[in-house]
Every structure is written in C-alpha cells, then in structure tokens.
Amino acid sequence: MKLAIIGATGNAGSLILKEALDRDLAVTAIVRHPEKLKVKVPTLVKDLFDLTKEDLADFDVLIDAFRPPLGKEELHQTSLHYLSNLLIGTDTRLLVVGGTSSLFINETQRMIEVSDPKAAYYPTAYNMYQAFLELQTTEKLNWTYLSPAAYFNPDGKRTGHYQVSGEHLQKNAEGKSEISMADYAIALIDEVVTPKHLNQHFSVYS
C-alpha cells in the first residue's frame, strides 16, 4: 500500500506520518518545506494547488491534513474541492482530517449551528463544515472524513486507545469530549489499513 500525506509537517500531520512509519507503511510526505520534516521520508515538494492527477496516480490512499494559515480559513473549502476533483474517478482513497463542527450534538443540530460566529475558532469551524458538505455529495470519489472530539489535544499522550462514534459528538466517562492528536493518528491509520468507513463520516474520542 502506498500512502501520501498532505500537511505532514503540521501538528496532526506529523503524528499521522510517525504512526504510518511505525507500522512500516510506504509513505510519501507532500510538503512545501521539506526541511520542517522531523523524520527522513520520501517527499514530493509541491504546493497543494499545484498537484496534478499524475502526481497522485500511484498512491492507494491520500491523507489530507492540510491546515490553512490564520486569516485564510476559506482554503479549507478550496483545497478539499481541488483535491476531490483530482481524485474523482480514480482508485485513490481520500481520508480527511476533519473538524468537530460537522458533528451532531443532538438529533437535529450540528456543532456549527450552536457555535458563536464571533468566536476566534468560528472561521475554521465554518469553512471546514462547508468543505464537508461538498465532500459528502461528491460522486465517483472514494472518501472518508474523520472528526476528532471537541478538544483535539496537540500535547496529549499516546495512550493507544480510542472509541469510535458515528456523526454524533460523544463524551467519555468523565464527561469530556477530547482526544489526543497521537491517539487520533492511530485511529486514522487503522482506517487506512482496515477500511471500515468508506464514503462515511465518523468520529473518535478518548
């Protein structure tokens, strides 16, 4: 299996890369700044929006862990749209490091609907949600969208354990909705190795 990761130098992306390498998967990091990589790995040095169908043709799985810079949150939408169009009609599976805004908090409301539009996180939450809406209606695309819990902890330990939910936000026994990025990476690579959520949206929490 050949795997590529976009955003492999980011907080989540670097942990996903490490998890994949620890399992001896054949991984390529698609990056603009290879000098930021913490491990030695094959690279494709290219901007996301310069990628072509030919660049991705040899990969079985493409993980999208792209995070736009502050103030350019609309790139969540345009980047996922661009990648989806490249992969439509191909055998390459697209796994998206998603957001919490698309999760239901009850039977009818999603997290984005109760989020404060004035909050600092809102532009990211809104644009990730809009990108998700387009993704789930895209035809002839093999995709999976994995949402983390409400608190996506970049500093949390790798416990090796996680719980799977569907599209509803869940809390653990302590009443907290959280997961470390390291445990999220385990869940994502588990999905790569053993696909269980083809063309589905699901979530994980500790």
N, C-alpha and C. Protein backbone atom coordinates (compact mmCIF):
# COMPACT_ATOMS: atom_id res chain seq x y z
N MET A 1 0.83 -1.20 0.00
CA MET A 1 0.00 0.00 0.00
C MET A 1 0.87 1.25 0.00
N LYS A 2 0.56 2.17 -0.89
CA LYS A 2 1.30 3.42 -0.97
C LYS A 2 0.41 4.55 -0.44
N LEU A 3 0.96 5.31 0.49
CA LEU A 3 0.23 6.34 1.20
C LEU A 3 0.93 7.68 1.05
N ALA A 4 0.15 8.75 0.83
CA ALA A 4 0.69 10.10 0.78
C ALA A 4 -0.02 10.96 1.82
N ILE A 5 0.72 11.88 2.41
CA ILE A 5 0.15 12.76 3.44
C ILE A 5 0.42 14.21 3.06
N ILE A 6 -0.65 14.97 2.92
CA ILE A 6 -0.54 16.42 2.73
C ILE A 6 -0.63 17.07 4.10
N GLY A 7 0.31 17.97 4.38
CA GLY A 7 0.33 18.60 5.70
C GLY A 7 1.11 17.77 6.71
N ALA A 8 2.10 17.05 6.24
CA ALA A 8 2.84 16.11 7.10
C ALA A 8 3.76 16.79 8.10
N THR A 9 3.90 18.12 8.02
CA THR A 9 4.74 18.83 8.99
C THR A 9 3.90 19.51 10.07
N GLY A 10 2.58 19.43 9.97
CA GLY A 10 1.71 20.07 10.94
C GLY A 10 1.59 19.26 12.23
N ASN A 11 0.83 19.79 13.18
CA ASN A 11 0.66 19.12 14.47
C ASN A 11 0.09 17.72 14.30
N ALA A 12 -1.07 17.64 13.64
CA ALA A 12 -1.70 16.34 13.43
C ALA A 12 -0.96 15.55 12.35
N GLY A 13 -0.60 16.21 11.27
CA GLY A 13 0.04 15.54 10.15
C GLY A 13 1.34 14.86 10.52
N SER A 14 2.14 15.48 11.36
CA SER A 14 3.42 14.89 11.74
C SER A 14 3.22 13.63 12.58
N LEU A 15 2.18 13.62 13.41
CA LEU A 15 1.89 12.44 14.22
C LEU A 15 1.29 11.32 13.36
N ILE A 16 0.51 11.68 12.38
CA ILE A 16 -0.03 10.69 11.44
C ILE A 16 1.12 10.07 10.64
N LEU A 17 2.05 10.90 10.21
CA LEU A 17 3.23 10.42 9.49
C LEU A 17 4.03 9.44 10.36
N LYS A 18 4.26 9.80 11.60
CA LYS A 18 5.02 8.93 12.51
C LYS A 18 4.31 7.60 12.71
N GLU A 19 3.00 7.65 12.90
CA GLU A 19 2.22 6.42 13.11
C GLU A 19 2.32 5.51 11.89
N ALA A 20 2.22 6.10 10.70
CA ALA A 20 2.31 5.32 9.48
C ALA A 20 3.69 4.68 9.32
N LEU A 21 4.74 5.45 9.62
CA LEU A 21 6.09 4.91 9.51
C LEU A 21 6.35 3.82 10.54
N ASP A 22 5.81 3.99 11.74
CA ASP A 22 5.98 2.99 12.79
C ASP A 22 5.34 1.65 12.39
N ARG A 23 4.39 1.71 11.47
CA ARG A 23 3.74 0.48 11.01
C ARG A 23 4.30 -0.01 9.67
N ASP A 24 5.41 0.59 9.30
CA ASP A 24 6.13 0.18 8.09
C ASP A 24 5.33 0.37 6.81
N LEU A 25 4.47 1.39 6.79
CA LEU A 25 3.75 1.71 5.57
C LEU A 25 4.65 2.53 4.64
N ALA A 26 4.43 2.38 3.35
CA ALA A 26 5.19 3.15 2.36
C ALA A 26 4.57 4.54 2.25
N VAL A 27 5.24 5.52 2.83
CA VAL A 27 4.67 6.86 2.96
C VAL A 27 5.48 7.89 2.20
N THR A 28 4.77 8.80 1.54
CA THR A 28 5.37 9.98 0.92
C THR A 28 4.76 11.22 1.55
N ALA A 29 5.59 12.15 1.95
CA ALA A 29 5.11 13.42 2.50
C ALA A 29 5.03 14.45 1.38
N ILE A 30 3.85 15.02 1.21
CA ILE A 30 3.66 16.08 0.21
C ILE A 30 3.74 17.41 0.96
N VAL A 31 4.81 18.13 0.75
CA VAL A 31 5.09 19.33 1.55
C VAL A 31 5.69 20.43 0.68
N ARG A 32 5.59 21.63 1.19
CA ARG A 32 6.26 22.77 0.55
C ARG A 32 7.63 23.01 1.17
N HIS A 33 7.78 22.63 2.45
CA HIS A 33 9.02 22.89 3.18
C HIS A 33 9.54 21.59 3.78
N PRO A 34 10.25 20.79 2.99
CA PRO A 34 10.73 19.50 3.49
C PRO A 34 11.69 19.63 4.67
N GLU A 35 12.30 20.79 4.81
CA GLU A 35 13.23 20.98 5.93
C GLU A 35 12.53 20.94 7.28
N LYS A 36 11.20 21.07 7.28
CA LYS A 36 10.44 21.04 8.53
C LYS A 36 10.08 19.62 8.96
N LEU A 37 10.32 18.65 8.12
CA LEU A 37 10.01 17.27 8.48
C LEU A 37 10.93 16.81 9.61
N LYS A 38 10.35 16.09 10.56
CA LYS A 38 11.10 15.62 11.72
C LYS A 38 11.72 14.25 11.49
N VAL A 39 11.33 13.59 10.41
CA VAL A 39 11.85 12.25 10.09
C VAL A 39 12.26 12.21 8.63
N LYS A 40 13.08 11.24 8.30
CA LYS A 40 13.50 11.07 6.92
C LYS A 40 12.48 10.21 6.19
N VAL A 41 11.93 10.74 5.12
CA VAL A 41 10.86 10.07 4.40
C VAL A 41 10.85 10.57 2.96
N PRO A 42 10.43 9.75 2.00
CA PRO A 42 10.29 10.24 0.63
C PRO A 42 9.36 11.44 0.58
N THR A 43 9.69 12.42 -0.22
CA THR A 43 8.90 13.64 -0.28
C THR A 43 8.53 14.00 -1.72
N LEU A 44 7.42 14.69 -1.82
CA LEU A 44 7.03 15.37 -3.05
C LEU A 44 6.90 16.84 -2.67
N VAL A 45 7.85 17.64 -3.13
CA VAL A 45 7.87 19.05 -2.74
C VAL A 45 7.02 19.83 -3.73
N LYS A 46 5.82 20.16 -3.28
CA LYS A 46 4.88 20.83 -4.18
C LYS A 46 3.76 21.48 -3.37
N ASP A 47 3.28 22.60 -3.83
CA ASP A 47 2.11 23.24 -3.23
C ASP A 47 0.87 22.40 -3.55
N LEU A 48 -0.04 22.34 -2.61
CA LEU A 48 -1.26 21.55 -2.79
C LEU A 48 -1.96 21.90 -4.10
N PHE A 49 -2.07 23.18 -4.39
CA PHE A 49 -2.83 23.62 -5.56
C PHE A 49 -2.06 23.44 -6.88
N ASP A 50 -0.82 22.96 -6.77
CA ASP A 50 -0.06 22.64 -7.98
C ASP A 50 -0.05 21.15 -8.27
N LEU A 51 -0.65 20.36 -7.40
CA LEU A 51 -0.69 18.91 -7.61
C LEU A 51 -1.51 18.56 -8.85
N THR A 52 -1.13 17.48 -9.50
CA THR A 52 -1.85 17.01 -10.68
C THR A 52 -2.35 15.59 -10.45
N LYS A 53 -3.22 15.13 -11.32
CA LYS A 53 -3.69 13.75 -11.25
C LYS A 53 -2.51 12.78 -11.34
N GLU A 54 -1.55 13.12 -12.18
CA GLU A 54 -0.39 12.26 -12.36
C GLU A 54 0.44 12.16 -11.08
N ASP A 55 0.51 13.25 -10.32
CA ASP A 55 1.26 13.23 -9.05
C ASP A 55 0.69 12.22 -8.07
N LEU A 56 -0.62 12.05 -8.11
CA LEU A 56 -1.31 11.21 -7.12
C LEU A 56 -1.67 9.83 -7.63
N ALA A 57 -1.41 9.57 -8.87
CA ALA A 57 -1.90 8.34 -9.52
C ALA A 57 -1.38 7.07 -8.88
N ASP A 58 -0.18 7.08 -8.34
CA ASP A 58 0.41 5.86 -7.80
C ASP A 58 0.05 5.57 -6.35
N PHE A 59 -0.68 6.49 -5.72
CA PHE A 59 -1.00 6.31 -4.31
C PHE A 59 -2.33 5.60 -4.12
N ASP A 60 -2.36 4.67 -3.17
CA ASP A 60 -3.60 3.99 -2.82
C ASP A 60 -4.46 4.87 -1.93
N VAL A 61 -3.80 5.65 -1.07
CA VAL A 61 -4.51 6.50 -0.10
C VAL A 61 -3.83 7.86 -0.05
N LEU A 62 -4.64 8.91 -0.01
CA LEU A 62 -4.16 10.27 0.20
C LEU A 62 -4.81 10.81 1.47
N ILE A 63 -3.98 11.19 2.44
CA ILE A 63 -4.48 11.79 3.68
C ILE A 63 -4.34 13.30 3.59
N ASP A 64 -5.45 13.99 3.80
CA ASP A 64 -5.46 15.45 3.75
C ASP A 64 -5.44 15.99 5.17
N ALA A 65 -4.25 16.42 5.62
CA ALA A 65 -4.10 17.03 6.93
C ALA A 65 -3.73 18.50 6.79
N PHE A 66 -4.12 19.09 5.67
CA PHE A 66 -3.79 20.48 5.38
C PHE A 66 -4.48 21.43 6.35
N ARG A 67 -3.71 22.41 6.86
CA ARG A 67 -4.26 23.45 7.72
C ARG A 67 -3.88 24.81 7.16
N PRO A 68 -4.85 25.62 6.73
CA PRO A 68 -4.53 26.95 6.17
C PRO A 68 -3.97 27.88 7.24
N PRO A 69 -3.24 28.89 6.82
CA PRO A 69 -2.76 29.88 7.77
C PRO A 69 -3.90 30.74 8.31
N LEU A 70 -3.66 31.35 9.43
CA LEU A 70 -4.66 32.22 10.06
C LEU A 70 -5.07 33.33 9.09
N GLY A 71 -6.36 33.53 8.96
CA GLY A 71 -6.88 34.56 8.08
C GLY A 71 -7.22 34.06 6.69
N LYS A 72 -6.87 32.80 6.41
CA LYS A 72 -7.17 32.22 5.09
C LYS A 72 -7.96 30.92 5.25
N GLU A 73 -8.88 30.95 6.20
CA GLU A 73 -9.64 29.74 6.53
C GLU A 73 -10.50 29.24 5.38
N GLU A 74 -10.80 30.10 4.41
CA GLU A 74 -11.59 29.67 3.26
C GLU A 74 -10.86 28.61 2.44
N LEU A 75 -9.54 28.48 2.65
CA LEU A 75 -8.77 27.46 1.95
C LEU A 75 -9.16 26.04 2.37
N HIS A 76 -9.83 25.93 3.50
CA HIS A 76 -10.38 24.62 3.86
C HIS A 76 -11.33 24.14 2.76
N GLN A 77 -12.12 25.06 2.25
CA GLN A 77 -13.07 24.71 1.20
C GLN A 77 -12.39 24.50 -0.15
N THR A 78 -11.58 25.48 -0.55
CA THR A 78 -10.99 25.41 -1.89
C THR A 78 -9.98 24.27 -2.02
N SER A 79 -9.26 23.97 -0.94
CA SER A 79 -8.26 22.90 -1.02
C SER A 79 -8.93 21.53 -1.13
N LEU A 80 -9.97 21.29 -0.34
CA LEU A 80 -10.64 20.00 -0.40
C LEU A 80 -11.37 19.83 -1.73
N HIS A 81 -11.92 20.91 -2.23
CA HIS A 81 -12.56 20.88 -3.55
C HIS A 81 -11.54 20.51 -4.62
N TYR A 82 -10.36 21.10 -4.53
CA TYR A 82 -9.31 20.85 -5.52
C TYR A 82 -8.85 19.39 -5.47
N LEU A 83 -8.59 18.88 -4.27
CA LEU A 83 -8.14 17.50 -4.14
C LEU A 83 -9.21 16.52 -4.59
N SER A 84 -10.45 16.80 -4.23
CA SER A 84 -11.54 15.92 -4.63
C SER A 84 -11.62 15.81 -6.15
N ASN A 85 -11.51 16.94 -6.82
CA ASN A 85 -11.58 16.93 -8.28
C ASN A 85 -10.44 16.13 -8.91
N LEU A 86 -9.27 16.16 -8.28
CA LEU A 86 -8.15 15.38 -8.80
C LEU A 86 -8.40 13.88 -8.68
N LEU A 87 -9.14 13.48 -7.65
CA LEU A 87 -9.30 12.06 -7.35
C LEU A 87 -10.61 11.47 -7.86
N ILE A 88 -11.52 12.28 -8.33
CA ILE A 88 -12.78 11.76 -8.86
C ILE A 88 -12.49 10.77 -9.99
N GLY A 89 -13.13 9.62 -9.88
CA GLY A 89 -12.98 8.60 -10.92
C GLY A 89 -11.71 7.79 -10.84
N THR A 90 -10.90 7.99 -9.80
CA THR A 90 -9.67 7.22 -9.63
C THR A 90 -9.85 6.19 -8.52
N ASP A 91 -8.85 5.34 -8.33
CA ASP A 91 -8.89 4.33 -7.27
C ASP A 91 -8.27 4.83 -5.97
N THR A 92 -7.74 6.03 -5.97
CA THR A 92 -7.10 6.57 -4.77
C THR A 92 -8.16 7.02 -3.75
N ARG A 93 -8.01 6.55 -2.55
CA ARG A 93 -8.94 6.90 -1.48
C ARG A 93 -8.49 8.17 -0.77
N LEU A 94 -9.42 9.06 -0.48
CA LEU A 94 -9.13 10.33 0.21
C LEU A 94 -9.61 10.26 1.65
N LEU A 95 -8.69 10.38 2.59
CA LEU A 95 -9.03 10.44 4.01
C LEU A 95 -8.76 11.86 4.51
N VAL A 96 -9.78 12.46 5.10
CA VAL A 96 -9.69 13.86 5.51
C VAL A 96 -9.61 13.98 7.02
N VAL A 97 -8.62 14.72 7.49
CA VAL A 97 -8.55 15.09 8.90
C VAL A 97 -9.57 16.20 9.09
N GLY A 98 -10.72 15.82 9.63
CA GLY A 98 -11.86 16.73 9.67
C GLY A 98 -11.95 17.57 10.93
N GLY A 99 -13.09 18.25 11.06
CA GLY A 99 -13.33 19.09 12.21
C GLY A 99 -14.52 18.60 13.02
N THR A 100 -14.72 19.21 14.16
CA THR A 100 -15.83 18.85 15.04
C THR A 100 -17.13 19.53 14.63
N SER A 101 -17.03 20.61 13.87
CA SER A 101 -18.21 21.42 13.55
C SER A 101 -19.28 20.65 12.80
N SER A 102 -18.90 19.56 12.14
CA SER A 102 -19.86 18.77 11.36
C SER A 102 -20.58 17.71 12.19
N LEU A 103 -20.19 17.53 13.44
CA LEU A 103 -20.81 16.51 14.29
C LEU A 103 -22.14 16.98 14.87
N PHE A 104 -23.08 16.06 15.01
CA PHE A 104 -24.36 16.36 15.64
C PHE A 104 -24.18 16.39 17.16
N ILE A 105 -24.84 17.35 17.81
CA ILE A 105 -24.84 17.40 19.27
C ILE A 105 -26.17 16.88 19.83
N ASN A 106 -27.16 16.73 18.94
CA ASN A 106 -28.43 16.09 19.28
C ASN A 106 -28.97 15.51 17.98
N GLU A 107 -30.24 15.20 17.94
CA GLU A 107 -30.79 14.55 16.76
C GLU A 107 -30.90 15.46 15.54
N THR A 108 -30.90 16.76 15.74
CA THR A 108 -31.13 17.67 14.61
C THR A 108 -30.05 18.74 14.42
N GLN A 109 -29.31 19.07 15.47
CA GLN A 109 -28.36 20.17 15.39
C GLN A 109 -26.91 19.68 15.33
N ARG A 110 -26.15 20.32 14.44
CA ARG A 110 -24.71 20.07 14.40
C ARG A 110 -23.99 21.12 15.25
N MET A 111 -22.77 20.82 15.57
CA MET A 111 -21.97 21.72 16.41
C MET A 111 -21.89 23.13 15.82
N ILE A 112 -21.76 23.24 14.50
CA ILE A 112 -21.62 24.55 13.88
C ILE A 112 -22.82 25.43 14.14
N GLU A 113 -23.99 24.82 14.30
CA GLU A 113 -25.22 25.58 14.47
C GLU A 113 -25.34 26.23 15.85
N VAL A 114 -24.57 25.76 16.81
CA VAL A 114 -24.61 26.36 18.14
C VAL A 114 -23.30 27.08 18.46
N SER A 115 -22.44 27.20 17.46
CA SER A 115 -21.17 27.88 17.66
C SER A 115 -21.34 29.39 17.55
N ASP A 116 -20.55 30.11 18.30
CA ASP A 116 -20.61 31.57 18.31
C ASP A 116 -19.88 32.14 17.09
N PRO A 117 -20.59 32.81 16.18
CA PRO A 117 -19.94 33.37 14.98
C PRO A 117 -18.84 34.36 15.29
N LYS A 118 -18.84 34.90 16.52
CA LYS A 118 -17.82 35.87 16.89
C LYS A 118 -16.59 35.22 17.51
N ALA A 119 -16.65 33.92 17.75
CA ALA A 119 -15.54 33.22 18.38
C ALA A 119 -14.35 33.11 17.43
N ALA A 120 -13.16 33.08 17.99
CA ALA A 120 -11.94 33.04 17.18
C ALA A 120 -11.88 31.78 16.33
N TYR A 121 -12.45 30.69 16.81
CA TYR A 121 -12.39 29.43 16.07
C TYR A 121 -13.42 29.33 14.96
N TYR A 122 -14.38 30.26 14.92
CA TYR A 122 -15.52 30.10 14.01
C TYR A 122 -15.14 30.05 12.53
N PRO A 123 -14.25 30.90 12.03
CA PRO A 123 -13.90 30.82 10.61
C PRO A 123 -13.40 29.43 10.20
N THR A 124 -12.59 28.82 11.06
CA THR A 124 -12.11 27.47 10.77
C THR A 124 -13.26 26.48 10.81
N ALA A 125 -14.08 26.56 11.86
CA ALA A 125 -15.21 25.63 12.00
C ALA A 125 -16.19 25.75 10.84
N TYR A 126 -16.51 26.97 10.45
CA TYR A 126 -17.47 27.19 9.37
C TYR A 126 -16.95 26.67 8.04
N ASN A 127 -15.71 27.00 7.72
CA ASN A 127 -15.16 26.60 6.43
C ASN A 127 -14.92 25.09 6.35
N MET A 128 -14.55 24.48 7.46
CA MET A 128 -14.41 23.02 7.47
C MET A 128 -15.77 22.35 7.27
N TYR A 129 -16.80 22.92 7.87
CA TYR A 129 -18.14 22.36 7.72
C TYR A 129 -18.62 22.47 6.27
N GLN A 130 -18.42 23.64 5.67
CA GLN A 130 -18.83 23.82 4.28
C GLN A 130 -18.07 22.87 3.35
N ALA A 131 -16.79 22.67 3.63
CA ALA A 131 -15.99 21.74 2.83
C ALA A 131 -16.53 20.32 2.97
N PHE A 132 -16.93 19.96 4.18
CA PHE A 132 -17.50 18.63 4.42
C PHE A 132 -18.80 18.44 3.65
N LEU A 133 -19.65 19.46 3.65
CA LEU A 133 -20.93 19.35 2.95
C LEU A 133 -20.73 19.05 1.47
N GLU A 134 -19.76 19.72 0.86
CA GLU A 134 -19.48 19.46 -0.55
C GLU A 134 -18.90 18.06 -0.74
N LEU A 135 -18.00 17.66 0.16
CA LEU A 135 -17.36 16.36 0.03
C LEU A 135 -18.38 15.23 0.01
N GLN A 136 -19.34 15.28 0.92
CA GLN A 136 -20.27 14.15 1.05
C GLN A 136 -21.25 14.05 -0.12
N THR A 137 -21.30 15.06 -0.95
CA THR A 137 -22.18 15.00 -2.13
C THR A 137 -21.40 14.76 -3.42
N THR A 138 -20.07 14.63 -3.29
CA THR A 138 -19.24 14.43 -4.48
C THR A 138 -19.35 12.99 -4.96
N GLU A 139 -19.67 12.82 -6.21
CA GLU A 139 -19.85 11.48 -6.77
C GLU A 139 -18.55 10.95 -7.36
N LYS A 140 -18.46 9.62 -7.42
CA LYS A 140 -17.32 8.91 -8.01
C LYS A 140 -16.02 9.25 -7.30
N LEU A 141 -16.13 9.44 -5.99
CA LEU A 141 -14.97 9.71 -5.15
C LEU A 141 -15.00 8.79 -3.95
N ASN A 142 -13.88 8.14 -3.68
CA ASN A 142 -13.75 7.25 -2.52
C ASN A 142 -13.19 8.07 -1.36
N TRP A 143 -14.02 8.41 -0.39
CA TRP A 143 -13.60 9.32 0.67
C TRP A 143 -14.00 8.81 2.05
N THR A 144 -13.31 9.33 3.06
CA THR A 144 -13.67 9.14 4.47
C THR A 144 -13.30 10.42 5.20
N TYR A 145 -14.20 10.87 6.07
CA TYR A 145 -13.99 12.12 6.82
C TYR A 145 -14.00 11.77 8.31
N LEU A 146 -12.87 11.97 8.97
CA LEU A 146 -12.74 11.60 10.38
C LEU A 146 -12.68 12.85 11.26
N SER A 147 -13.71 13.03 12.08
CA SER A 147 -13.76 14.16 13.00
C SER A 147 -13.18 13.77 14.36
N PRO A 148 -12.39 14.64 14.95
CA PRO A 148 -11.92 14.41 16.31
C PRO A 148 -12.99 14.82 17.31
N ALA A 149 -12.72 14.58 18.58
CA ALA A 149 -13.60 15.07 19.64
C ALA A 149 -13.47 16.60 19.73
N ALA A 150 -14.27 17.20 20.61
CA ALA A 150 -14.30 18.66 20.70
C ALA A 150 -12.93 19.24 21.03
N TYR A 151 -12.21 18.61 21.95
CA TYR A 151 -10.86 19.07 22.29
C TYR A 151 -9.86 18.15 21.61
N PHE A 152 -9.23 18.68 20.59
CA PHE A 152 -8.25 17.94 19.80
C PHE A 152 -6.89 18.31 20.35
N ASN A 153 -6.40 17.55 21.31
CA ASN A 153 -5.27 17.94 22.14
C ASN A 153 -3.93 17.67 21.45
N PRO A 154 -3.19 18.73 21.09
CA PRO A 154 -1.91 18.53 20.41
C PRO A 154 -0.82 18.01 21.36
N ASP A 155 -1.01 18.18 22.65
CA ASP A 155 0.01 17.82 23.63
C ASP A 155 -0.34 16.55 24.40
N GLY A 156 -1.47 15.95 24.10
CA GLY A 156 -1.89 14.77 24.83
C GLY A 156 -1.03 13.56 24.52
N LYS A 157 -0.99 12.64 25.48
CA LYS A 157 -0.17 11.45 25.33
C LYS A 157 -0.80 10.44 24.37
N ARG A 158 0.03 9.59 23.83
CA ARG A 158 -0.42 8.47 23.02
C ARG A 158 -0.78 7.34 23.96
N THR A 159 -2.06 7.12 24.19
CA THR A 159 -2.49 6.07 25.11
C THR A 159 -2.67 4.74 24.39
N GLY A 160 -2.85 4.80 23.07
CA GLY A 160 -3.09 3.58 22.32
C GLY A 160 -4.54 3.15 22.31
N HIS A 161 -5.40 3.98 22.88
CA HIS A 161 -6.82 3.62 22.97
C HIS A 161 -7.68 4.77 22.45
N TYR A 162 -8.78 4.43 21.82
CA TYR A 162 -9.77 5.40 21.38
C TYR A 162 -11.10 4.71 21.21
N GLN A 163 -12.17 5.50 21.18
CA GLN A 163 -13.50 4.98 20.96
C GLN A 163 -14.07 5.58 19.67
N VAL A 164 -14.84 4.79 18.97
CA VAL A 164 -15.40 5.20 17.69
C VAL A 164 -16.86 5.58 17.85
N SER A 165 -17.24 6.68 17.22
CA SER A 165 -18.64 7.10 17.18
C SER A 165 -19.00 7.36 15.73
N GLY A 166 -20.26 7.59 15.48
CA GLY A 166 -20.71 7.95 14.15
C GLY A 166 -20.60 9.45 13.97
N GLU A 167 -21.69 10.09 13.60
CA GLU A 167 -21.68 11.53 13.35
C GLU A 167 -22.09 12.34 14.57
N HIS A 168 -22.22 11.70 15.72
CA HIS A 168 -22.63 12.41 16.93
C HIS A 168 -21.44 12.63 17.87
N LEU A 169 -21.36 13.84 18.40
CA LEU A 169 -20.31 14.18 19.37
C LEU A 169 -20.52 13.35 20.64
N GLN A 170 -19.46 12.71 21.08
CA GLN A 170 -19.55 11.85 22.26
C GLN A 170 -18.61 12.35 23.35
N LYS A 171 -18.95 11.98 24.60
CA LYS A 171 -18.11 12.31 25.75
C LYS A 171 -17.68 11.02 26.44
N ASN A 172 -16.54 11.08 27.10
CA ASN A 172 -16.05 9.90 27.81
C ASN A 172 -16.69 9.78 29.19
N ALA A 173 -16.24 8.83 29.98
CA ALA A 173 -16.83 8.57 31.29
C ALA A 173 -16.68 9.76 32.24
N GLU A 174 -15.72 10.63 31.95
CA GLU A 174 -15.50 11.81 32.78
C GLU A 174 -16.31 13.01 32.29
N GLY A 175 -17.12 12.78 31.26
CA GLY A 175 -17.94 13.86 30.72
C GLY A 175 -17.20 14.80 29.81
N LYS A 176 -16.04 14.37 29.30
CA LYS A 176 -15.23 15.22 28.44
C LYS A 176 -15.23 14.68 27.01
N SER A 177 -15.27 15.59 26.05
CA SER A 177 -15.14 15.24 24.64
C SER A 177 -13.76 15.66 24.21
N GLU A 178 -12.85 14.69 24.18
CA GLU A 178 -11.47 15.01 23.85
C GLU A 178 -10.76 13.80 23.27
N ILE A 179 -9.68 14.06 22.56
CA ILE A 179 -8.77 13.02 22.10
C ILE A 179 -7.43 13.68 21.78
N SER A 180 -6.37 12.98 22.08
CA SER A 180 -5.05 13.50 21.73
C SER A 180 -4.81 13.31 20.24
N MET A 181 -4.00 14.17 19.67
CA MET A 181 -3.68 14.03 18.25
C MET A 181 -2.94 12.72 17.99
N ALA A 182 -2.19 12.24 18.97
CA ALA A 182 -1.47 10.99 18.81
C ALA A 182 -2.42 9.80 18.74
N ASP A 183 -3.47 9.80 19.57
CA ASP A 183 -4.46 8.71 19.51
C ASP A 183 -5.33 8.83 18.27
N TYR A 184 -5.60 10.06 17.86
CA TYR A 184 -6.34 10.27 16.60
C TYR A 184 -5.55 9.68 15.44
N ALA A 185 -4.23 9.86 15.46
CA ALA A 185 -3.38 9.32 14.40
C ALA A 185 -3.50 7.81 14.33
N ILE A 186 -3.59 7.16 15.47
CA ILE A 186 -3.78 5.71 15.49
C ILE A 186 -5.07 5.34 14.78
N ALA A 187 -6.15 6.05 15.13
CA ALA A 187 -7.46 5.77 14.53
C ALA A 187 -7.43 5.97 13.02
N LEU A 188 -6.79 7.02 12.58
CA LEU A 188 -6.75 7.31 11.15
C LEU A 188 -5.97 6.23 10.39
N ILE A 189 -4.82 5.85 10.92
CA ILE A 189 -4.03 4.83 10.24
C ILE A 189 -4.72 3.46 10.34
N ASP A 190 -5.43 3.20 11.41
CA ASP A 190 -6.25 1.98 11.48
C ASP A 190 -7.24 1.94 10.33
N GLU A 191 -7.83 3.09 10.04
CA GLU A 191 -8.80 3.18 8.94
C GLU A 191 -8.12 3.00 7.59
N VAL A 192 -6.88 3.45 7.48
CA VAL A 192 -6.12 3.23 6.25
C VAL A 192 -5.88 1.74 6.03
N VAL A 193 -5.42 1.08 7.07
CA VAL A 193 -5.03 -0.33 6.97
C VAL A 193 -6.25 -1.24 6.83
N THR A 194 -7.30 -0.94 7.62
CA THR A 194 -8.52 -1.75 7.60
C THR A 194 -9.72 -0.84 7.37
N PRO A 195 -10.08 -0.57 6.13
CA PRO A 195 -11.18 0.37 5.83
C PRO A 195 -12.52 -0.14 6.38
N LYS A 196 -13.14 0.69 7.19
CA LYS A 196 -14.45 0.35 7.74
C LYS A 196 -15.50 1.44 7.49
N HIS A 197 -15.06 2.58 6.97
CA HIS A 197 -15.96 3.73 6.83
C HIS A 197 -15.83 4.35 5.43
N LEU A 198 -16.01 3.53 4.42
CA LEU A 198 -15.92 4.03 3.05
C LEU A 198 -17.09 4.96 2.75
N ASN A 199 -16.76 6.13 2.24
CA ASN A 199 -17.75 7.17 1.93
C ASN A 199 -18.64 7.47 3.14
N GLN A 200 -17.98 7.58 4.28
CA GLN A 200 -18.69 7.87 5.53
C GLN A 200 -17.96 8.93 6.34
N HIS A 201 -18.73 9.53 7.23
CA HIS A 201 -18.22 10.49 8.21
C HIS A 201 -18.32 9.81 9.57
N PHE A 202 -17.20 9.75 10.29
CA PHE A 202 -17.26 9.20 11.64
C PHE A 202 -16.34 9.98 12.54
N SER A 203 -16.35 9.67 13.83
CA SER A 203 -15.57 10.43 14.79
C SER A 203 -14.93 9.50 15.82
N VAL A 204 -13.93 10.01 16.50
CA VAL A 204 -13.26 9.26 17.55
C VAL A 204 -13.06 10.15 18.77
N TYR A 205 -13.04 9.50 19.94
CA TYR A 205 -12.83 10.23 21.19
C TYR A 205 -12.14 9.29 22.19
N SER A 206 -11.57 9.86 23.23
CA SER A 206 -10.87 9.05 24.23
C SER A 206 -11.84 8.55 25.28
